[in-house]
């Protein structure tokens, strides 16, 4: 199944015009209409902007010393 996603706006007559679709004339297609959620102006689209990055002194060193590991044989 070949899927194609496109965002369009319903006009004032309640009609939707789709153009330049990647299908051939005579192809049978299934049409599913989903409402695009409106962006909430109170929601920050960049939640990590101006945040301090994490810093690791030795990222490849173990978090605990090897002496603290228990090995069961």
Protein backbone atom coordinates (compact mmCIF):
# COMPACT_ATOMS: atom_id res chain seq x y z
CA UNK A 1 0.00 0.00 0.00
CA UNK A 2 1.39 3.39 -1.00
CA UNK A 3 0.50 6.10 1.53
CA UNK A 4 0.68 9.83 0.94
CA UNK A 5 0.18 12.47 3.62
CA UNK A 6 -0.90 15.99 2.74
CA UNK A 7 -2.16 18.88 4.83
CA UNK A 8 -5.00 20.92 3.36
CA UNK A 9 -7.63 23.40 4.51
CA UNK A 10 -11.37 23.10 4.00
CA UNK A 11 -12.67 26.12 2.08
CA UNK A 12 -15.69 28.22 3.07
CA UNK A 13 -18.02 25.98 1.00
CA UNK A 14 -16.96 22.94 3.03
CA UNK A 15 -15.03 21.52 0.09
CA UNK A 16 -11.54 20.12 -0.05
CA UNK A 17 -9.41 20.26 -3.20
CA UNK A 18 -6.45 17.91 -3.49
CA UNK A 19 -3.99 18.50 -6.31
CA UNK A 20 -0.68 17.02 -7.46
CA UNK A 21 -1.29 13.63 -5.87
CA UNK A 22 1.28 10.90 -6.60
CA UNK A 23 -1.29 8.52 -8.13
CA UNK A 24 -2.32 7.76 -11.67
CA UNK A 25 -5.73 8.49 -13.20
CA UNK A 26 -8.00 5.51 -12.58
CA UNK A 27 -6.15 4.34 -9.43
CA UNK A 28 -8.43 3.32 -6.57
CA UNK A 29 -7.53 5.11 -3.34
CA UNK A 30 -8.85 5.16 0.20
CA UNK A 31 -9.47 8.58 1.71
CA UNK A 32 -9.35 9.12 5.48
CA UNK A 33 -9.91 12.64 6.81
CA UNK A 34 -8.35 13.47 10.18
CA UNK A 35 -8.59 16.83 11.90
CA UNK A 36 -5.15 18.30 12.48
CA UNK A 37 -4.83 19.33 16.14
CA UNK A 38 -4.54 23.06 16.56
CA UNK A 39 -1.38 24.28 18.21
CA UNK A 40 -2.00 25.47 21.74
CA UNK A 41 -0.34 28.89 22.10
CA UNK A 42 0.35 28.08 25.77
CA UNK A 43 2.41 25.03 24.80
CA UNK A 44 6.12 25.67 24.36
CA UNK A 45 7.21 24.09 21.05
CA UNK A 46 10.86 24.17 22.24
CA UNK A 47 10.83 22.85 25.84
CA UNK A 48 14.63 22.44 26.00
CA UNK A 49 15.49 25.91 24.72
CA UNK A 50 17.67 27.90 27.19
CA UNK A 51 18.03 24.87 29.46
CA UNK A 52 21.41 23.86 30.88
CA UNK A 53 22.87 20.83 29.10
CA UNK A 54 23.81 17.76 31.07
CA UNK A 55 27.51 17.43 31.73
CA UNK A 56 29.34 14.20 32.51
CA UNK A 57 32.92 14.35 33.77
CA UNK A 58 33.77 10.77 32.77
CA UNK A 59 30.90 9.40 30.68
CA UNK A 60 32.64 6.08 29.99
CA UNK A 61 33.58 5.34 33.60
CA UNK A 62 31.26 3.12 35.65
CA UNK A 63 28.89 4.85 38.05
CA UNK A 64 30.15 2.70 40.94
CA UNK A 65 33.61 1.33 41.63
CA UNK A 66 34.41 -2.24 40.56
CA UNK A 67 34.91 -3.17 44.25
CA UNK A 68 31.20 -2.57 44.91
CA UNK A 69 30.04 -5.21 42.44
CA UNK A 70 28.94 -8.54 43.87
CA UNK A 71 29.59 -11.61 41.76
CA UNK A 72 27.72 -14.83 42.47
CA UNK A 73 29.37 -17.99 41.22
